[in-house]
Amino acid sequence: FRMWVLGLASCVLLSFANQFFWYRTQPLSISSISAQIAVVPLGHLMA
C-alpha cells in the first residue's frame, strides 16, 4: 500500500515539476533521485 501511495505521489509531483521547468529559459530536469531521497523518511513513518 505504501509503495502505491508514495510511488504515485512521486510520479505526479515530478511530472508536474519537470513540465513546469521545461519551458524555462534555463531548463531544469529534476531527476528521480530527489524523490528517491524524499520518500525514505515517509516510508519509515508509514511503517
ModelCIF file with pLDDT and N, C-alpha, C, O atoms, coordinates in Angstrom:
data_MODEL
#
_entry.id   MODEL 
#
_entity.id                         1 
_entity.type                       polymer 
_entity.pdbx_number_of_molecules   1 
#
_entity_poly.entity_id                      1 
_entity_poly.type                           'polypeptide(L)' 
_entity_poly.nstd_linkage                   no 
_entity_poly.nstd_monomer                   no 
_entity_poly.pdbx_seq_one_letter_code       FRMWVLGLASCVLLSFANQFFWYRTQPLSISSISAQIAVVPLGHLMA 
_entity_poly.pdbx_seq_one_letter_code_can   FRMWVLGLASCVLLSFANQFFWYRTQPLSISSISAQIAVVPLGHLMA 
_entity_poly.pdbx_strand_id                 A 
#
loop_
_entity_poly_seq.entity_id 
_entity_poly_seq.num 
_entity_poly_seq.mon_id 
_entity_poly_seq.hetero 
1 1  PHE n 
1 2  ARG n 
1 3  MET n 
1 4  TRP n 
1 5  VAL n 
1 6  LEU n 
1 7  GLY n 
1 8  LEU n 
1 9  ALA n 
1 10 SER n 
1 11 CYS n 
1 12 VAL n 
1 13 LEU n 
1 14 LEU n 
1 15 SER n 
1 16 PHE n 
1 17 ALA n 
1 18 ASN n 
1 19 GLN n 
1 20 PHE n 
1 21 PHE n 
1 22 TRP n 
1 23 TYR n 
1 24 ARG n 
1 25 THR n 
1 26 GLN n 
1 27 PRO n 
1 28 LEU n 
1 29 SER n 
1 30 ILE n 
1 31 SER n 
1 32 SER n 
1 33 ILE n 
1 34 SER n 
1 35 ALA n 
1 36 GLN n 
1 37 ILE n 
1 38 ALA n 
1 39 VAL n 
1 40 VAL n 
1 41 PRO n 
1 42 LEU n 
1 43 GLY n 
1 44 HIS n 
1 45 LEU n 
1 46 MET n 
1 47 ALA n 
#
_struct_asym.id          A 
_struct_asym.entity_id   1 
#
loop_
_ma_qa_metric.id 
_ma_qa_metric.mode 
_ma_qa_metric.name 
_ma_qa_metric.software_group_id 
_ma_qa_metric.type 
1 global pLDDT . pLDDT 
2 local  pLDDT . pLDDT 
#
_ma_qa_metric_global.metric_id      1 
_ma_qa_metric_global.metric_value   84.09 
_ma_qa_metric_global.model_id       1 
_ma_qa_metric_global.ordinal_id     1 
#
loop_
_ma_qa_metric_local.label_asym_id 
_ma_qa_metric_local.label_comp_id 
_ma_qa_metric_local.label_seq_id 
_ma_qa_metric_local.metric_id 
_ma_qa_metric_local.metric_value 
_ma_qa_metric_local.model_id 
_ma_qa_metric_local.ordinal_id 
A PHE 1  2 92.00 1 1  
A ARG 2  2 93.00 1 2  
A MET 3  2 94.00 1 3  
A TRP 4  2 95.00 1 4  
A VAL 5  2 94.00 1 5  
A LEU 6  2 94.00 1 6  
A GLY 7  2 94.00 1 7  
A LEU 8  2 95.00 1 8  
A ALA 9  2 93.00 1 9  
A SER 10 2 92.00 1 10 
A CYS 11 2 92.00 1 11 
A VAL 12 2 93.00 1 12 
A LEU 13 2 87.00 1 13 
A LEU 14 2 87.00 1 14 
A SER 15 2 90.00 1 15 
A PHE 16 2 88.00 1 16 
A ALA 17 2 81.00 1 17 
A ASN 18 2 84.00 1 18 
A GLN 19 2 86.00 1 19 
A PHE 20 2 82.00 1 20 
A PHE 21 2 76.00 1 21 
A TRP 22 2 81.00 1 22 
A TYR 23 2 82.00 1 23 
A ARG 24 2 75.00 1 24 
A THR 25 2 70.00 1 25 
A GLN 26 2 63.00 1 26 
A PRO 27 2 69.00 1 27 
A LEU 28 2 66.00 1 28 
A SER 29 2 71.00 1 29 
A ILE 30 2 73.00 1 30 
A SER 31 2 75.00 1 31 
A SER 32 2 80.00 1 32 
A ILE 33 2 75.00 1 33 
A SER 34 2 72.00 1 34 
A ALA 35 2 80.00 1 35 
A GLN 36 2 82.00 1 36 
A ILE 37 2 78.00 1 37 
A ALA 38 2 78.00 1 38 
A VAL 39 2 86.00 1 39 
A VAL 40 2 86.00 1 40 
A PRO 41 2 85.00 1 41 
A LEU 42 2 88.00 1 42 
A GLY 43 2 91.00 1 43 
A HIS 44 2 90.00 1 44 
A LEU 45 2 90.00 1 45 
A MET 46 2 92.00 1 46 
A ALA 47 2 92.00 1 47 
#
loop_
_atom_site.group_PDB 
_atom_site.id 
_atom_site.type_symbol 
_atom_site.label_atom_id 
_atom_site.label_alt_id 
_atom_site.label_comp_id 
_atom_site.label_asym_id 
_atom_site.label_entity_id 
_atom_site.label_seq_id 
_atom_site.pdbx_PDB_ins_code 
_atom_site.Cartn_x 
_atom_site.Cartn_y 
_atom_site.Cartn_z 
_atom_site.occupancy 
_atom_site.B_iso_or_equiv 
_atom_site.pdbx_formal_charge 
_atom_site.auth_seq_id 
_atom_site.auth_comp_id 
_atom_site.auth_asym_id 
_atom_site.auth_atom_id 
_atom_site.pdbx_PDB_model_num 
ATOM 1   N N  . PHE A 1 1  ? 0.830  -1.204 0.000   1.00 92.00 ? 1  PHE A N  1 
ATOM 2   C CA . PHE A 1 1  ? 0.000  0.000  0.000   1.00 92.00 ? 1  PHE A CA 1 
ATOM 3   C C  . PHE A 1 1  ? 0.864  1.254  0.000   1.00 92.00 ? 1  PHE A C  1 
ATOM 4   O O  . PHE A 1 1  ? 0.596  2.191  -0.751  1.00 92.00 ? 1  PHE A O  1 
ATOM 5   N N  . ARG A 1 2  ? 1.895  1.278  0.832   1.00 93.00 ? 2  ARG A N  1 
ATOM 6   C CA . ARG A 1 2  ? 2.732  2.486  0.902   1.00 93.00 ? 2  ARG A CA 1 
ATOM 7   C C  . ARG A 1 2  ? 3.535  2.672  -0.385  1.00 93.00 ? 2  ARG A C  1 
ATOM 8   O O  . ARG A 1 2  ? 3.861  3.800  -0.755  1.00 93.00 ? 2  ARG A O  1 
ATOM 9   N N  . MET A 1 3  ? 3.856  1.573  -1.067  1.00 94.00 ? 3  MET A N  1 
ATOM 10  C CA . MET A 1 3  ? 4.537  1.711  -2.353  1.00 94.00 ? 3  MET A CA 1 
ATOM 11  C C  . MET A 1 3  ? 3.641  2.437  -3.352  1.00 94.00 ? 3  MET A C  1 
ATOM 12  O O  . MET A 1 3  ? 4.101  3.321  -4.074  1.00 94.00 ? 3  MET A O  1 
ATOM 13  N N  . TRP A 1 4  ? 2.353  2.061  -3.394  1.00 95.00 ? 4  TRP A N  1 
ATOM 14  C CA . TRP A 1 4  ? 1.430  2.697  -4.327  1.00 95.00 ? 4  TRP A CA 1 
ATOM 15  C C  . TRP A 1 4  ? 1.222  4.173  -3.982  1.00 95.00 ? 4  TRP A C  1 
ATOM 16  O O  . TRP A 1 4  ? 1.207  5.024  -4.870  1.00 95.00 ? 4  TRP A O  1 
ATOM 17  N N  . VAL A 1 5  ? 1.064  4.469  -2.713  1.00 94.00 ? 5  VAL A N  1 
ATOM 18  C CA . VAL A 1 5  ? 0.826  5.856  -2.310  1.00 94.00 ? 5  VAL A CA 1 
ATOM 19  C C  . VAL A 1 5  ? 2.043  6.727  -2.621  1.00 94.00 ? 5  VAL A C  1 
ATOM 20  O O  . VAL A 1 5  ? 1.918  7.763  -3.273  1.00 94.00 ? 5  VAL A O  1 
ATOM 21  N N  . LEU A 1 6  ? 3.207  6.308  -2.159  1.00 94.00 ? 6  LEU A N  1 
ATOM 22  C CA . LEU A 1 6  ? 4.401  7.116  -2.362  1.00 94.00 ? 6  LEU A CA 1 
ATOM 23  C C  . LEU A 1 6  ? 4.837  7.111  -3.826  1.00 94.00 ? 6  LEU A C  1 
ATOM 24  O O  . LEU A 1 6  ? 5.342  8.119  -4.321  1.00 94.00 ? 6  LEU A O  1 
ATOM 25  N N  . GLY A 1 7  ? 4.648  5.985  -4.526  1.00 94.00 ? 7  GLY A N  1 
ATOM 26  C CA . GLY A 1 7  ? 5.036  5.910  -5.930  1.00 94.00 ? 7  GLY A CA 1 
ATOM 27  C C  . GLY A 1 7  ? 4.191  6.831  -6.805  1.00 94.00 ? 7  GLY A C  1 
ATOM 28  O O  . GLY A 1 7  ? 4.725  7.584  -7.619  1.00 94.00 ? 7  GLY A O  1 
ATOM 29  N N  . LEU A 1 8  ? 2.874  6.768  -6.633  1.00 95.00 ? 8  LEU A N  1 
ATOM 30  C CA . LEU A 1 8  ? 2.011  7.633  -7.437  1.00 95.00 ? 8  LEU A CA 1 
ATOM 31  C C  . LEU A 1 8  ? 2.225  9.103  -7.093  1.00 95.00 ? 8  LEU A C  1 
ATOM 32  O O  . LEU A 1 8  ? 2.221  9.952  -7.984  1.00 95.00 ? 8  LEU A O  1 
ATOM 33  N N  . ALA A 1 9  ? 2.412  9.413  -5.815  1.00 93.00 ? 9  ALA A N  1 
ATOM 34  C CA . ALA A 1 9  ? 2.674  10.806 -5.425  1.00 93.00 ? 9  ALA A CA 1 
ATOM 35  C C  . ALA A 1 9  ? 3.966  11.310 -6.052  1.00 93.00 ? 9  ALA A C  1 
ATOM 36  O O  . ALA A 1 9  ? 4.015  12.440 -6.538  1.00 93.00 ? 9  ALA A O  1 
ATOM 37  N N  . SER A 1 10 ? 5.015  10.487 -6.047  1.00 92.00 ? 10 SER A N  1 
ATOM 38  C CA . SER A 1 10 ? 6.299  10.882 -6.648  1.00 92.00 ? 10 SER A CA 1 
ATOM 39  C C  . SER A 1 10 ? 6.136  11.118 -8.145  1.00 92.00 ? 10 SER A C  1 
ATOM 40  O O  . SER A 1 10 ? 6.670  12.082 -8.692  1.00 92.00 ? 10 SER A O  1 
ATOM 41  N N  . CYS A 1 11 ? 5.394  10.232 -8.800  1.00 92.00 ? 11 CYS A N  1 
ATOM 42  C CA . CYS A 1 11 ? 5.190  10.354 -10.245 1.00 92.00 ? 11 CYS A CA 1 
ATOM 43  C C  . CYS A 1 11 ? 4.459  11.647 -10.584 1.00 92.00 ? 11 CYS A C  1 
ATOM 44  O O  . CYS A 1 11 ? 4.852  12.361 -11.507 1.00 92.00 ? 11 CYS A O  1 
ATOM 45  N N  . VAL A 1 12 ? 3.405  11.950 -9.845  1.00 93.00 ? 12 VAL A N  1 
ATOM 46  C CA . VAL A 1 12 ? 2.619  13.151 -10.109 1.00 93.00 ? 12 VAL A CA 1 
ATOM 47  C C  . VAL A 1 12 ? 3.444  14.414 -9.865  1.00 93.00 ? 12 VAL A C  1 
ATOM 48  O O  . VAL A 1 12 ? 3.460  15.317 -10.702 1.00 93.00 ? 12 VAL A O  1 
ATOM 49  N N  . LEU A 1 13 ? 4.127  14.480 -8.728  1.00 87.00 ? 13 LEU A N  1 
ATOM 50  C CA . LEU A 1 13 ? 4.884  15.687 -8.388  1.00 87.00 ? 13 LEU A CA 1 
ATOM 51  C C  . LEU A 1 13 ? 6.037  15.928 -9.358  1.00 87.00 ? 13 LEU A C  1 
ATOM 52  O O  . LEU A 1 13 ? 6.260  17.062 -9.782  1.00 87.00 ? 13 LEU A O  1 
ATOM 53  N N  . LEU A 1 14 ? 6.773  14.871 -9.713  1.00 87.00 ? 14 LEU A N  1 
ATOM 54  C CA . LEU A 1 14 ? 7.894  15.051 -10.640 1.00 87.00 ? 14 LEU A CA 1 
ATOM 55  C C  . LEU A 1 14 ? 7.406  15.381 -12.047 1.00 87.00 ? 14 LEU A C  1 
ATOM 56  O O  . LEU A 1 14 ? 8.044  16.164 -12.751 1.00 87.00 ? 14 LEU A O  1 
ATOM 57  N N  . SER A 1 15 ? 6.288  14.799 -12.467 1.00 90.00 ? 15 SER A N  1 
ATOM 58  C CA . SER A 1 15 ? 5.744  15.125 -13.787 1.00 90.00 ? 15 SER A CA 1 
ATOM 59  C C  . SER A 1 15 ? 5.373  16.601 -13.859 1.00 90.00 ? 15 SER A C  1 
ATOM 60  O O  . SER A 1 15 ? 5.693  17.282 -14.833 1.00 90.00 ? 15 SER A O  1 
ATOM 61  N N  . PHE A 1 16 ? 4.701  17.087 -12.827 1.00 88.00 ? 16 PHE A N  1 
ATOM 62  C CA . PHE A 1 16 ? 4.327  18.500 -12.795 1.00 88.00 ? 16 PHE A CA 1 
ATOM 63  C C  . PHE A 1 16 ? 5.566  19.398 -12.785 1.00 88.00 ? 16 PHE A C  1 
ATOM 64  O O  . PHE A 1 16 ? 5.655  20.351 -13.559 1.00 88.00 ? 16 PHE A O  1 
ATOM 65  N N  . ALA A 1 17 ? 6.522  19.087 -11.900 1.00 81.00 ? 17 ALA A N  1 
ATOM 66  C CA . ALA A 1 17 ? 7.701  19.950 -11.760 1.00 81.00 ? 17 ALA A CA 1 
ATOM 67  C C  . ALA A 1 17 ? 8.538  19.977 -13.034 1.00 81.00 ? 17 ALA A C  1 
ATOM 68  O O  . ALA A 1 17 ? 8.997  21.044 -13.443 1.00 81.00 ? 17 ALA A O  1 
ATOM 69  N N  . ASN A 1 18 ? 8.744  18.833 -13.664 1.00 84.00 ? 18 ASN A N  1 
ATOM 70  C CA . ASN A 1 18 ? 9.593  18.797 -14.854 1.00 84.00 ? 18 ASN A CA 1 
ATOM 71  C C  . ASN A 1 18 ? 8.944  19.487 -16.050 1.00 84.00 ? 18 ASN A C  1 
ATOM 72  O O  . ASN A 1 18 ? 9.637  20.148 -16.824 1.00 84.00 ? 18 ASN A O  1 
ATOM 73  N N  . GLN A 1 19 ? 7.635  19.348 -16.216 1.00 86.00 ? 19 GLN A N  1 
ATOM 74  C CA . GLN A 1 19 ? 6.982  20.068 -17.295 1.00 86.00 ? 19 GLN A CA 1 
ATOM 75  C C  . GLN A 1 19 ? 6.962  21.564 -17.014 1.00 86.00 ? 19 GLN A C  1 
ATOM 76  O O  . GLN A 1 19 ? 7.106  22.372 -17.932 1.00 86.00 ? 19 GLN A O  1 
ATOM 77  N N  . PHE A 1 20 ? 6.786  21.934 -15.754 1.00 82.00 ? 20 PHE A N  1 
ATOM 78  C CA . PHE A 1 20 ? 6.786  23.342 -15.369 1.00 82.00 ? 20 PHE A CA 1 
ATOM 79  C C  . PHE A 1 20 ? 8.135  23.990 -15.685 1.00 82.00 ? 20 PHE A C  1 
ATOM 80  O O  . PHE A 1 20 ? 8.180  25.085 -16.246 1.00 82.00 ? 20 PHE A O  1 
ATOM 81  N N  . PHE A 1 21 ? 9.228  23.321 -15.327 1.00 76.00 ? 21 PHE A N  1 
ATOM 82  C CA . PHE A 1 21 ? 10.559 23.881 -15.543 1.00 76.00 ? 21 PHE A CA 1 
ATOM 83  C C  . PHE A 1 21 ? 11.048 23.701 -16.980 1.00 76.00 ? 21 PHE A C  1 
ATOM 84  O O  . PHE A 1 21 ? 12.035 24.315 -17.383 1.00 76.00 ? 21 PHE A O  1 
ATOM 85  N N  . TRP A 1 22 ? 10.354 22.856 -17.755 1.00 81.00 ? 22 TRP A N  1 
ATOM 86  C CA . TRP A 1 22 ? 10.774 22.582 -19.134 1.00 81.00 ? 22 TRP A CA 1 
ATOM 87  C C  . TRP A 1 22 ? 10.728 23.832 -19.997 1.00 81.00 ? 22 TRP A C  1 
ATOM 88  O O  . TRP A 1 22 ? 11.540 23.989 -20.909 1.00 81.00 ? 22 TRP A O  1 
ATOM 89  N N  . TYR A 1 23 ? 9.780  24.724 -19.714 1.00 82.00 ? 23 TYR A N  1 
ATOM 90  C CA . TYR A 1 23 ? 9.614  25.925 -20.517 1.00 82.00 ? 23 TYR A CA 1 
ATOM 91  C C  . TYR A 1 23 ? 10.580 27.045 -20.130 1.00 82.00 ? 23 TYR A C  1 
ATOM 92  O O  . TYR A 1 23 ? 10.631 28.076 -20.800 1.00 82.00 ? 23 TYR A O  1 
ATOM 93  N N  . ARG A 1 24 ? 11.334 26.853 -19.071 1.00 75.00 ? 24 ARG A N  1 
ATOM 94  C CA . ARG A 1 24 ? 12.206 27.928 -18.604 1.00 75.00 ? 24 ARG A CA 1 
ATOM 95  C C  . ARG A 1 24 ? 13.337 28.198 -19.589 1.00 75.00 ? 24 ARG A C  1 
ATOM 96  O O  . ARG A 1 24 ? 13.765 27.312 -20.328 1.00 75.00 ? 24 ARG A O  1 
ATOM 97  N N  . THR A 1 25 ? 13.813 29.448 -19.581 1.00 70.00 ? 25 THR A N  1 
ATOM 98  C CA . THR A 1 25 ? 14.957 29.818 -20.411 1.00 70.00 ? 25 THR A CA 1 
ATOM 99  C C  . THR A 1 25 ? 16.163 28.946 -20.067 1.00 70.00 ? 25 THR A C  1 
ATOM 100 O O  . THR A 1 25 ? 16.909 28.539 -20.957 1.00 70.00 ? 25 THR A O  1 
ATOM 101 N N  . GLN A 1 26 ? 16.356 28.659 -18.779 1.00 63.00 ? 26 GLN A N  1 
ATOM 102 C CA . GLN A 1 26 ? 17.355 27.690 -18.333 1.00 63.00 ? 26 GLN A CA 1 
ATOM 103 C C  . GLN A 1 26 ? 16.603 26.464 -17.828 1.00 63.00 ? 26 GLN A C  1 
ATOM 104 O O  . GLN A 1 26 ? 16.243 26.409 -16.652 1.00 63.00 ? 26 GLN A O  1 
ATOM 105 N N  . PRO A 1 27 ? 16.357 25.478 -18.692 1.00 69.00 ? 27 PRO A N  1 
ATOM 106 C CA . PRO A 1 27 ? 15.535 24.330 -18.284 1.00 69.00 ? 27 PRO A CA 1 
ATOM 107 C C  . PRO A 1 27 ? 16.173 23.574 -17.126 1.00 69.00 ? 27 PRO A C  1 
ATOM 108 O O  . PRO A 1 27 ? 17.396 23.503 -17.005 1.00 69.00 ? 27 PRO A O  1 
ATOM 109 N N  . LEU A 1 28 ? 15.329 23.019 -16.289 1.00 66.00 ? 28 LEU A N  1 
ATOM 110 C CA . LEU A 1 28 ? 15.804 22.201 -15.182 1.00 66.00 ? 28 LEU A CA 1 
ATOM 111 C C  . LEU A 1 28 ? 15.095 20.863 -15.234 1.00 66.00 ? 28 LEU A C  1 
ATOM 112 O O  . LEU A 1 28 ? 13.866 20.807 -15.289 1.00 66.00 ? 28 LEU A O  1 
ATOM 113 N N  . SER A 1 29 ? 15.857 19.797 -15.217 1.00 71.00 ? 29 SER A N  1 
ATOM 114 C CA . SER A 1 29 ? 15.285 18.456 -15.169 1.00 71.00 ? 29 SER A CA 1 
ATOM 115 C C  . SER A 1 29 ? 15.548 17.877 -13.782 1.00 71.00 ? 29 SER A C  1 
ATOM 116 O O  . SER A 1 29 ? 16.695 17.640 -13.405 1.00 71.00 ? 29 SER A O  1 
ATOM 117 N N  . ILE A 1 30 ? 14.484 17.655 -13.034 1.00 73.00 ? 30 ILE A N  1 
ATOM 118 C CA . ILE A 1 30 ? 14.609 17.110 -11.678 1.00 73.00 ? 30 ILE A CA 1 
ATOM 119 C C  . ILE A 1 30 ? 14.570 15.596 -11.781 1.00 73.00 ? 30 ILE A C  1 
ATOM 120 O O  . ILE A 1 30 ? 13.551 15.022 -12.165 1.00 73.00 ? 30 ILE A O  1 
ATOM 121 N N  . SER A 1 31 ? 15.650 14.961 -11.448 1.00 75.00 ? 31 SER A N  1 
ATOM 122 C CA . SER A 1 31 ? 15.756 13.515 -11.605 1.00 75.00 ? 31 SER A CA 1 
ATOM 123 C C  . SER A 1 31 ? 14.983 12.793 -10.511 1.00 75.00 ? 31 SER A C  1 
ATOM 124 O O  . SER A 1 31 ? 14.570 13.389 -9.516  1.00 75.00 ? 31 SER A O  1 
ATOM 125 N N  . SER A 1 32 ? 14.801 11.504 -10.721 1.00 80.00 ? 32 SER A N  1 
ATOM 126 C CA . SER A 1 32 ? 14.073 10.689 -9.741  1.00 80.00 ? 32 SER A CA 1 
ATOM 127 C C  . SER A 1 32 ? 14.835 10.563 -8.434  1.00 80.00 ? 32 SER A C  1 
ATOM 128 O O  . SER A 1 32 ? 14.271 10.134 -7.427  1.00 80.00 ? 32 SER A O  1 
ATOM 129 N N  . ILE A 1 33 ? 16.117 10.934 -8.435  1.00 75.00 ? 33 ILE A N  1 
ATOM 130 C CA . ILE A 1 33 ? 16.909 10.828 -7.212  1.00 75.00 ? 33 ILE A CA 1 
ATOM 131 C C  . ILE A 1 33 ? 16.329 11.704 -6.107  1.00 75.00 ? 33 ILE A C  1 
ATOM 132 O O  . ILE A 1 33 ? 16.391 11.341 -4.933  1.00 75.00 ? 33 ILE A O  1 
ATOM 133 N N  . SER A 1 34 ? 15.769 12.849 -6.470  1.00 72.00 ? 34 SER A N  1 
ATOM 134 C CA . SER A 1 34 ? 15.162 13.724 -5.467  1.00 72.00 ? 34 SER A CA 1 
ATOM 135 C C  . SER A 1 34 ? 14.039 12.999 -4.736  1.00 72.00 ? 34 SER A C  1 
ATOM 136 O O  . SER A 1 34 ? 13.970 13.026 -3.507  1.00 72.00 ? 34 SER A O  1 
ATOM 137 N N  . ALA A 1 35 ? 13.154 12.345 -5.505  1.00 80.00 ? 35 ALA A N  1 
ATOM 138 C CA . ALA A 1 35 ? 12.074 11.582 -4.878  1.00 80.00 ? 35 ALA A CA 1 
ATOM 139 C C  . ALA A 1 35 ? 12.620 10.365 -4.147  1.00 80.00 ? 35 ALA A C  1 
ATOM 140 O O  . ALA A 1 35 ? 12.105 9.979  -3.098  1.00 80.00 ? 35 ALA A O  1 
ATOM 141 N N  . GLN A 1 36 ? 13.655 9.769  -4.699  1.00 82.00 ? 36 GLN A N  1 
ATOM 142 C CA . GLN A 1 36 ? 14.267 8.607  -4.084  1.00 82.00 ? 36 GLN A CA 1 
ATOM 143 C C  . GLN A 1 36 ? 14.719 8.912  -2.657  1.00 82.00 ? 36 GLN A C  1 
ATOM 144 O O  . GLN A 1 36 ? 14.625 8.058  -1.775  1.00 82.00 ? 36 GLN A O  1 
ATOM 145 N N  . ILE A 1 37 ? 15.205 10.126 -2.435  1.00 78.00 ? 37 ILE A N  1 
ATOM 146 C CA . ILE A 1 37 ? 15.647 10.527 -1.101  1.00 78.00 ? 37 ILE A CA 1 
ATOM 147 C C  . ILE A 1 37 ? 14.457 10.911 -0.234  1.00 78.00 ? 37 ILE A C  1 
ATOM 148 O O  . ILE A 1 37 ? 14.362 10.509 0.926   1.00 78.00 ? 37 ILE A O  1 
ATOM 149 N N  . ALA A 1 38 ? 13.547 11.698 -0.816  1.00 78.00 ? 38 ALA A N  1 
ATOM 150 C CA . ALA A 1 38 ? 12.467 12.279 -0.019  1.00 78.00 ? 38 ALA A CA 1 
ATOM 151 C C  . ALA A 1 38 ? 11.522 11.231 0.557   1.00 78.00 ? 38 ALA A C  1 
ATOM 152 O O  . ALA A 1 38 ? 10.958 11.443 1.630   1.00 78.00 ? 38 ALA A O  1 
ATOM 153 N N  . VAL A 1 39 ? 11.333 10.094 -0.136  1.00 86.00 ? 39 VAL A N  1 
ATOM 154 C CA . VAL A 1 39 ? 10.342 9.117  0.324   1.00 86.00 ? 39 VAL A CA 1 
ATOM 155 C C  . VAL A 1 39 ? 10.851 8.244  1.468   1.00 86.00 ? 39 VAL A C  1 
ATOM 156 O O  . VAL A 1 39 ? 10.055 7.556  2.107   1.00 86.00 ? 39 VAL A O  1 
ATOM 157 N N  . VAL A 1 40 ? 12.138 8.253  1.739   1.00 86.00 ? 40 VAL A N  1 
ATOM 158 C CA . VAL A 1 40 ? 12.681 7.360  2.775   1.00 86.00 ? 40 VAL A CA 1 
ATOM 159 C C  . VAL A 1 40 ? 12.076 7.650  4.148   1.00 86.00 ? 40 VAL A C  1 
ATOM 160 O O  . VAL A 1 40 ? 11.537 6.734  4.769   1.00 86.00 ? 40 VAL A O  1 
ATOM 161 N N  . PRO A 1 41 ? 12.144 8.890  4.647   1.00 85.00 ? 41 PRO A N  1 
ATOM 162 C CA . PRO A 1 41 ? 11.523 9.122  5.965   1.00 85.00 ? 41 PRO A CA 1 
ATOM 163 C C  . PRO A 1 41 ? 10.012 8.898  5.940   1.00 85.00 ? 41 PRO A C  1 
ATOM 164 O O  . PRO A 1 41 ? 9.439  8.464  6.939   1.00 85.00 ? 41 PRO A O  1 
ATOM 165 N N  . LEU A 1 42 ? 9.356  9.188  4.806   1.00 88.00 ? 42 LEU A N  1 
ATOM 166 C CA . LEU A 1 42 ? 7.918  8.953  4.713   1.00 88.00 ? 42 LEU A CA 1 
ATOM 167 C C  . LEU A 1 42 ? 7.604  7.460  4.769   1.00 88.00 ? 42 LEU A C  1 
ATOM 168 O O  . LEU A 1 42 ? 6.634  7.047  5.405   1.00 88.00 ? 42 LEU A O  1 
ATOM 169 N N  . GLY A 1 43 ? 8.423  6.660  4.104   1.00 91.00 ? 43 GLY A N  1 
ATOM 170 C CA . GLY A 1 43 ? 8.225  5.219  4.139   1.00 91.00 ? 43 GLY A CA 1 
ATOM 171 C C  . GLY A 1 43 ? 8.374  4.654  5.538   1.00 91.00 ? 43 GLY A C  1 
ATOM 172 O O  . GLY A 1 43 ? 7.572  3.825  5.969   1.00 91.00 ? 43 GLY A O  1 
ATOM 173 N N  . HIS A 1 44 ? 9.399  5.103  6.244   1.00 90.00 ? 44 HIS A N  1 
ATOM 174 C CA . HIS A 1 44 ? 9.600  4.629  7.622   1.00 90.00 ? 44 HIS A CA 1 
ATOM 175 C C  . HIS A 1 44 ? 8.484  5.128  8.538   1.00 90.00 ? 44 HIS A C  1 
ATOM 176 O O  . HIS A 1 44 ? 8.064  4.414  9.448   1.00 90.00 ? 44 HIS A O  1 
ATOM 177 N N  . LEU A 1 45 ? 7.999  6.358  8.301   1.00 90.00 ? 45 LEU A N  1 
ATOM 178 C CA . LEU A 1 45 ? 6.890  6.882  9.100   1.00 90.00 ? 45 LEU A CA 1 
ATOM 179 C C  . LEU A 1 45 ? 5.630  6.050  8.889   1.00 90.00 ? 45 LEU A C  1 
ATOM 180 O O  . LEU A 1 45 ? 4.932  5.730  9.851   1.00 90.00 ? 45 LEU A O  1 
ATOM 181 N N  . MET A 1 46 ? 5.335  5.700  7.645   1.00 92.00 ? 46 MET A N  1 
ATOM 182 C CA . MET A 1 46 ? 4.153  4.881  7.359   1.00 92.00 ? 46 MET A CA 1 
ATOM 183 C C  . MET A 1 46 ? 4.290  3.492  7.985   1.00 92.00 ? 46 MET A C  1 
ATOM 184 O O  . MET A 1 46 ? 3.315  2.917  8.469   1.00 92.00 ? 46 MET A O  1 
ATOM 185 N N  . ALA A 1 47 ? 5.528  2.958  7.969   1.00 92.00 ? 47 ALA A N  1 
ATOM 186 C CA . ALA A 1 47 ? 5.740  1.638  8.569   1.00 92.00 ? 47 ALA A CA 1 
ATOM 187 C C  . ALA A 1 47 ? 5.500  1.657  10.074  1.00 92.00 ? 47 ALA A C  1 
ATOM 188 O O  . ALA A 1 47 ? 5.635  0.627  10.734  1.00 92.00 ? 47 ALA A O  1 
#
